[in-house]
Amino acid sequence: MESDVDADIFDAYMNDGQVDCSAWEIPHPTEPGWFILSIHDAEDGPVCIWGRKVAP
């Protein structure tokens, strides 16, 4: 989230106890087939983990 939102939004999340990350518009990978595995809080703020199916 840190590099995807304005600094004031990120600072409010990190410093003010604001737990609302709805202003975060998560950029989707450009290649097809990706999906969100998880969105969770980490030491440096919210993180989005992407995954996609691997052909056998």
PDB file of N, CA and C in Angstrom:
ATOM      1  N   MET A   1       0.826  -1.197   0.000  1.00  0.00           N
ATOM      2  CA  MET A   1       0.000   0.000   0.000  1.00  0.00           C
ATOM      3  C   MET A   1       0.867   1.257   0.000  1.00  0.00           C
ATOM      4  N   GLU A   2       2.017   1.168   0.619  1.00  0.00           N
ATOM      5  CA  GLU A   2       2.851   2.352   0.819  1.00  0.00           C
ATOM      6  C   GLU A   2       3.116   3.123  -0.468  1.00  0.00           C
ATOM      7  N   SER A   3       3.397   2.431  -1.563  1.00  0.00           N
ATOM      8  CA  SER A   3       3.732   3.124  -2.810  1.00  0.00           C
ATOM      9  C   SER A   3       2.510   3.366  -3.700  1.00  0.00           C
ATOM     10  N   ASP A   4       1.321   2.950  -3.250  1.00  0.00           N
ATOM     11  CA  ASP A   4       0.120   3.070  -4.073  1.00  0.00           C
ATOM     12  C   ASP A   4      -0.878   4.132  -3.621  1.00  0.00           C
ATOM     13  N   VAL A   5      -0.673   4.751  -2.453  1.00  0.00           N
ATOM     14  CA  VAL A   5      -1.590   5.775  -1.948  1.00  0.00           C
ATOM     15  C   VAL A   5      -0.799   7.028  -1.580  1.00  0.00           C
ATOM     16  N   ASP A   6      -1.521   8.140  -1.411  1.00  0.00           N
ATOM     17  CA  ASP A   6      -0.877   9.375  -0.978  1.00  0.00           C
ATOM     18  C   ASP A   6      -0.243   9.183   0.393  1.00  0.00           C
ATOM     19  N   ALA A   7       0.819   9.927   0.643  1.00  0.00           N
ATOM     20  CA  ALA A   7       1.549   9.807   1.907  1.00  0.00           C
ATOM     21  C   ALA A   7       0.663  10.079   3.114  1.00  0.00           C
ATOM     22  N   ASP A   8      -0.273  11.030   3.005  1.00  0.00           N
ATOM     23  CA  ASP A   8      -1.128  11.341   4.159  1.00  0.00           C
ATOM     24  C   ASP A   8      -2.051  10.167   4.501  1.00  0.00           C
ATOM     25  N   ILE A   9      -2.514   9.449   3.511  1.00  0.00           N
ATOM     26  CA  ILE A   9      -3.356   8.274   3.761  1.00  0.00           C
ATOM     27  C   ILE A   9      -2.531   7.171   4.416  1.00  0.00           C
ATOM     28  N   PHE A  10      -1.327   6.958   3.888  1.00  0.00           N
ATOM     29  CA  PHE A  10      -0.468   5.920   4.459  1.00  0.00           C
ATOM     30  C   PHE A  10      -0.051   6.283   5.886  1.00  0.00           C
ATOM     31  N   ASP A  11       0.291   7.547   6.115  1.00  0.00           N
ATOM     32  CA  ASP A  11       0.674   7.983   7.462  1.00  0.00           C
ATOM     33  C   ASP A  11      -0.473   7.814   8.448  1.00  0.00           C
ATOM     34  N   ALA A  12      -1.697   8.107   8.017  1.00  0.00           N
ATOM     35  CA  ALA A  12      -2.851   7.924   8.896  1.00  0.00           C
ATOM     36  C   ALA A  12      -3.001   6.456   9.257  1.00  0.00           C
ATOM     37  N   TYR A  13      -2.770   5.576   8.296  1.00  0.00           N
ATOM     38  CA  TYR A  13      -2.866   4.143   8.571  1.00  0.00           C
ATOM     39  C   TYR A  13      -1.791   3.712   9.563  1.00  0.00           C
ATOM     40  N   MET A  14      -0.560   4.140   9.334  1.00  0.00           N
ATOM     41  CA  MET A  14       0.566   3.679  10.141  1.00  0.00           C
ATOM     42  C   MET A  14       0.654   4.363  11.505  1.00  0.00           C
ATOM     43  N   ASN A  15       0.349   5.656  11.567  1.00  0.00           N
ATOM     44  CA  ASN A  15       0.618   6.416  12.786  1.00  0.00           C
ATOM     45  C   ASN A  15      -0.609   6.722  13.629  1.00  0.00           C
ATOM     46  N   ASP A  16      -1.742   6.849  13.006  1.00  0.00           N
ATOM     47  CA  ASP A  16      -2.935   7.283  13.730  1.00  0.00           C
ATOM     48  C   ASP A  16      -3.849   6.132  14.138  1.00  0.00           C
ATOM     49  N   GLY A  17      -3.418   4.908  13.902  1.00  0.00           N
ATOM     50  CA  GLY A  17      -4.253   3.774  14.260  1.00  0.00           C
ATOM     51  C   GLY A  17      -5.412   3.561  13.310  1.00  0.00           C
ATOM     52  N   GLN A  18      -5.396   4.231  12.182  1.00  0.00           N
ATOM     53  CA  GLN A  18      -6.447   4.085  11.173  1.00  0.00           C
ATOM     54  C   GLN A  18      -6.299   2.717  10.521  1.00  0.00           C
ATOM     55  N   VAL A  19      -7.297   1.881  10.618  1.00  0.00           N
ATOM     56  CA  VAL A  19      -7.194   0.528  10.063  1.00  0.00           C
ATOM     57  C   VAL A  19      -7.988   0.363   8.771  1.00  0.00           C
ATOM     58  N   ASP A  20      -8.474   1.456   8.218  1.00  0.00           N
ATOM     59  CA  ASP A  20      -9.253   1.422   6.984  1.00  0.00           C
ATOM     60  C   ASP A  20      -8.314   1.587   5.790  1.00  0.00           C
ATOM     61  N   CYS A  21      -8.172   0.549   5.003  1.00  0.00           N
ATOM     62  CA  CYS A  21      -7.310   0.643   3.815  1.00  0.00           C
ATOM     63  C   CYS A  21      -8.141   0.665   2.536  1.00  0.00           C
ATOM     64  N   SER A  22      -9.407   1.097   2.631  1.00  0.00           N
ATOM     65  CA  SER A  22     -10.298   1.098   1.470  1.00  0.00           C
ATOM     66  C   SER A  22      -9.886   2.116   0.405  1.00  0.00           C
ATOM     67  N   ALA A  23      -9.054   3.090   0.745  1.00  0.00           N
ATOM     68  CA  ALA A  23      -8.576   4.059  -0.247  1.00  0.00           C
ATOM     69  C   ALA A  23      -7.498   3.448  -1.152  1.00  0.00           C
ATOM     70  N   TRP A  24      -7.033   2.281  -0.797  1.00  0.00           N
ATOM     71  CA  TRP A  24      -5.986   1.603  -1.547  1.00  0.00           C
ATOM     72  C   TRP A  24      -6.575   0.922  -2.774  1.00  0.00           C
ATOM     73  N   GLU A  25      -6.228   1.416  -3.941  1.00  0.00           N
ATOM     74  CA  GLU A  25      -6.632   0.782  -5.192  1.00  0.00           C
ATOM     75  C   GLU A  25      -5.471  -0.098  -5.631  1.00  0.00           C
ATOM     76  N   ILE A  26      -5.610  -1.375  -5.379  1.00  0.00           N
ATOM     77  CA  ILE A  26      -4.519  -2.319  -5.600  1.00  0.00           C
ATOM     78  C   ILE A  26      -4.285  -2.496  -7.102  1.00  0.00           C
ATOM     79  N   PRO A  27      -3.062  -2.209  -7.571  1.00  0.00           N
ATOM     80  CA  PRO A  27      -2.784  -2.387  -9.003  1.00  0.00           C
ATOM     81  C   PRO A  27      -2.734  -3.875  -9.363  1.00  0.00           C
ATOM     82  N   HIS A  28      -3.440  -4.237 -10.414  1.00  0.00           N
ATOM     83  CA  HIS A  28      -3.512  -5.616 -10.879  1.00  0.00           C
ATOM     84  C   HIS A  28      -2.326  -5.894 -11.800  1.00  0.00           C
ATOM     85  N   PRO A  29      -1.680  -7.073 -11.688  1.00  0.00           N
ATOM     86  CA  PRO A  29      -0.611  -7.419 -12.636  1.00  0.00           C
ATOM     87  C   PRO A  29      -1.121  -7.354 -14.075  1.00  0.00           C
ATOM     88  N   THR A  30      -0.251  -6.995 -14.987  1.00  0.00           N
ATOM     89  CA  THR A  30      -0.657  -6.825 -16.383  1.00  0.00           C
ATOM     90  C   THR A  30      -0.875  -8.152 -17.105  1.00  0.00           C
ATOM     91  N   GLU A  31      -0.203  -9.213 -16.684  1.00  0.00           N
ATOM     92  CA  GLU A  31      -0.388 -10.512 -17.316  1.00  0.00           C
ATOM     93  C   GLU A  31      -1.723 -11.116 -16.875  1.00  0.00           C
ATOM     94  N   PRO A  32      -2.386 -11.875 -17.737  1.00  0.00           N
ATOM     95  CA  PRO A  32      -3.666 -12.492 -17.364  1.00  0.00           C
ATOM     96  C   PRO A  32      -3.476 -13.644 -16.373  1.00  0.00           C
ATOM     97  N   GLY A  33      -4.547 -13.959 -15.656  1.00  0.00           N
ATOM     98  CA  GLY A  33      -4.562 -15.130 -14.806  1.00  0.00           C
ATOM     99  C   GLY A  33      -4.220 -14.902 -13.343  1.00  0.00           C
ATOM    100  N   TRP A  34      -3.854 -13.688 -12.975  1.00  0.00           N
ATOM    101  CA  TRP A  34      -3.499 -13.404 -11.582  1.00  0.00           C
ATOM    102  C   TRP A  34      -4.750 -13.183 -10.740  1.00  0.00           C
ATOM    103  N   PHE A  35      -4.691 -13.595  -9.481  1.00  0.00           N
ATOM    104  CA  PHE A  35      -5.784 -13.380  -8.537  1.00  0.00           C
ATOM    105  C   PHE A  35      -5.190 -13.077  -7.161  1.00  0.00           C
ATOM    106  N   ILE A  36      -5.974 -12.431  -6.324  1.00  0.00           N
ATOM    107  CA  ILE A  36      -5.504 -12.080  -4.984  1.00  0.00           C
ATOM    108  C   ILE A  36      -5.574 -13.314  -4.091  1.00  0.00           C
ATOM    109  N   LEU A  37      -4.437 -13.663  -3.499  1.00  0.00           N
ATOM    110  CA  LEU A  37      -4.377 -14.748  -2.523  1.00  0.00           C
ATOM    111  C   LEU A  37      -4.719 -14.232  -1.130  1.00  0.00           C
ATOM    112  N   SER A  38      -4.170 -13.058  -0.794  1.00  0.00           N
ATOM    113  CA  SER A  38      -4.460 -12.490   0.527  1.00  0.00           C
ATOM    114  C   SER A  38      -4.127 -11.014   0.556  1.00  0.00           C
ATOM    115  N   ILE A  39      -4.816 -10.322   1.438  1.00  0.00           N
ATOM    116  CA  ILE A  39      -4.503  -8.946   1.785  1.00  0.00           C
ATOM    117  C   ILE A  39      -4.406  -8.951   3.297  1.00  0.00           C
ATOM    118  N   HIS A  40      -3.244  -8.579   3.799  1.00  0.00           N
ATOM    119  CA  HIS A  40      -3.054  -8.617   5.239  1.00  0.00           C
ATOM    120  C   HIS A  40      -2.117  -7.512   5.693  1.00  0.00           C
ATOM    121  N   ASP A  41      -2.107  -7.287   6.982  1.00  0.00           N
ATOM    122  CA  ASP A  41      -1.255  -6.264   7.563  1.00  0.00           C
ATOM    123  C   ASP A  41       0.120  -6.854   7.829  1.00  0.00           C
ATOM    124  N   ALA A  42       1.134  -6.063   7.578  1.00  0.00           N
ATOM    125  CA  ALA A  42       2.517  -6.452   7.840  1.00  0.00           C
ATOM    126  C   ALA A  42       3.193  -5.307   8.595  1.00  0.00           C
ATOM    127  N   GLU A  43       4.426  -5.496   8.937  1.00  0.00           N
ATOM    128  CA  GLU A  43       5.167  -4.477   9.699  1.00  0.00           C
ATOM    129  C   GLU A  43       5.192  -3.135   8.977  1.00  0.00           C
ATOM    130  N   ASP A  44       5.234  -3.156   7.646  1.00  0.00           N
ATOM    131  CA  ASP A  44       5.308  -1.933   6.850  1.00  0.00           C
ATOM    132  C   ASP A  44       3.972  -1.518   6.266  1.00  0.00           C
ATOM    133  N   GLY A  45       2.865  -2.030   6.800  1.00  0.00           N
ATOM    134  CA  GLY A  45       1.537  -1.666   6.324  1.00  0.00           C
ATOM    135  C   GLY A  45       0.894  -2.799   5.553  1.00  0.00           C
ATOM    136  N   PRO A  46      -0.296  -2.547   4.971  1.00  0.00           N
ATOM    137  CA  PRO A  46      -1.023  -3.582   4.241  1.00  0.00           C
ATOM    138  C   PRO A  46      -0.242  -4.102   3.038  1.00  0.00           C
ATOM    139  N   VAL A  47      -0.397  -5.391   2.790  1.00  0.00           N
ATOM    140  CA  VAL A  47       0.295  -6.064   1.694  1.00  0.00           C
ATOM    141  C   VAL A  47      -0.711  -6.910   0.932  1.00  0.00           C
ATOM    142  N   CYS A  48      -0.592  -6.920  -0.382  1.00  0.00           N
ATOM    143  CA  CYS A  48      -1.423  -7.776  -1.227  1.00  0.00           C
ATOM    144  C   CYS A  48      -0.514  -8.848  -1.836  1.00  0.00           C
ATOM    145  N   ILE A  49      -0.907 -10.102  -1.673  1.00  0.00           N
ATOM    146  CA  ILE A  49      -0.161 -11.223  -2.235  1.00  0.00           C
ATOM    147  C   ILE A  49      -0.957 -11.777  -3.415  1.00  0.00           C
ATOM    148  N   TRP A  50      -0.308 -11.830  -4.576  1.00  0.00           N
ATOM    149  CA  TRP A  50      -0.938 -12.312  -5.802  1.00  0.00           C
ATOM    150  C   TRP A  50      -0.501 -13.738  -6.111  1.00  0.00           C
ATOM    151  N   GLY A  51      -1.334 -14.474  -6.809  1.00  0.00           N
ATOM    152  CA  GLY A  51      -0.989 -15.814  -7.266  1.00  0.00           C
ATOM    153  C   GLY A  51      -1.622 -16.085  -8.611  1.00  0.00           C
ATOM    154  N   ARG A  52      -1.133 -17.117  -9.271  1.00  0.00           N
ATOM    155  CA  ARG A  52      -1.775 -17.564 -10.504  1.00  0.00           C
ATOM    156  C   ARG A  52      -1.454 -19.041 -10.707  1.00  0.00           C
ATOM    157  N   LYS A  53      -2.333 -19.699 -11.414  1.00  0.00           N
ATOM    158  CA  LYS A  53      -2.187 -21.126 -11.657  1.00  0.00           C
ATOM    159  C   LYS A  53      -0.997 -21.383 -12.583  1.00  0.00           C
ATOM    160  N   VAL A  54      -0.227 -22.400 -12.252  1.00  0.00           N
ATOM    161  CA  VAL A  54       0.892 -22.796 -13.080  1.00  0.00           C
ATOM    162  C   VAL A  54       0.465 -24.003 -13.899  1.00  0.00           C
ATOM    163  N   ALA A  55       0.726 -23.949 -15.191  1.00  0.00           N
ATOM    164  CA  ALA A  55       0.365 -25.072 -16.058  1.00  0.00           C
ATOM    165  C   ALA A  55       1.187 -26.300 -15.680  1.00  0.00           C
ATOM    166  N   PRO A  56       0.556 -27.475 -15.639  1.00  0.00           N
ATOM    167  CA  PRO A  56       1.284 -28.713 -15.259  1.00  0.00           C
ATOM    168  C   PRO A  56       2.304 -29.122 -16.298  1.00  0.00           C
TER     169      PRO A  56
END
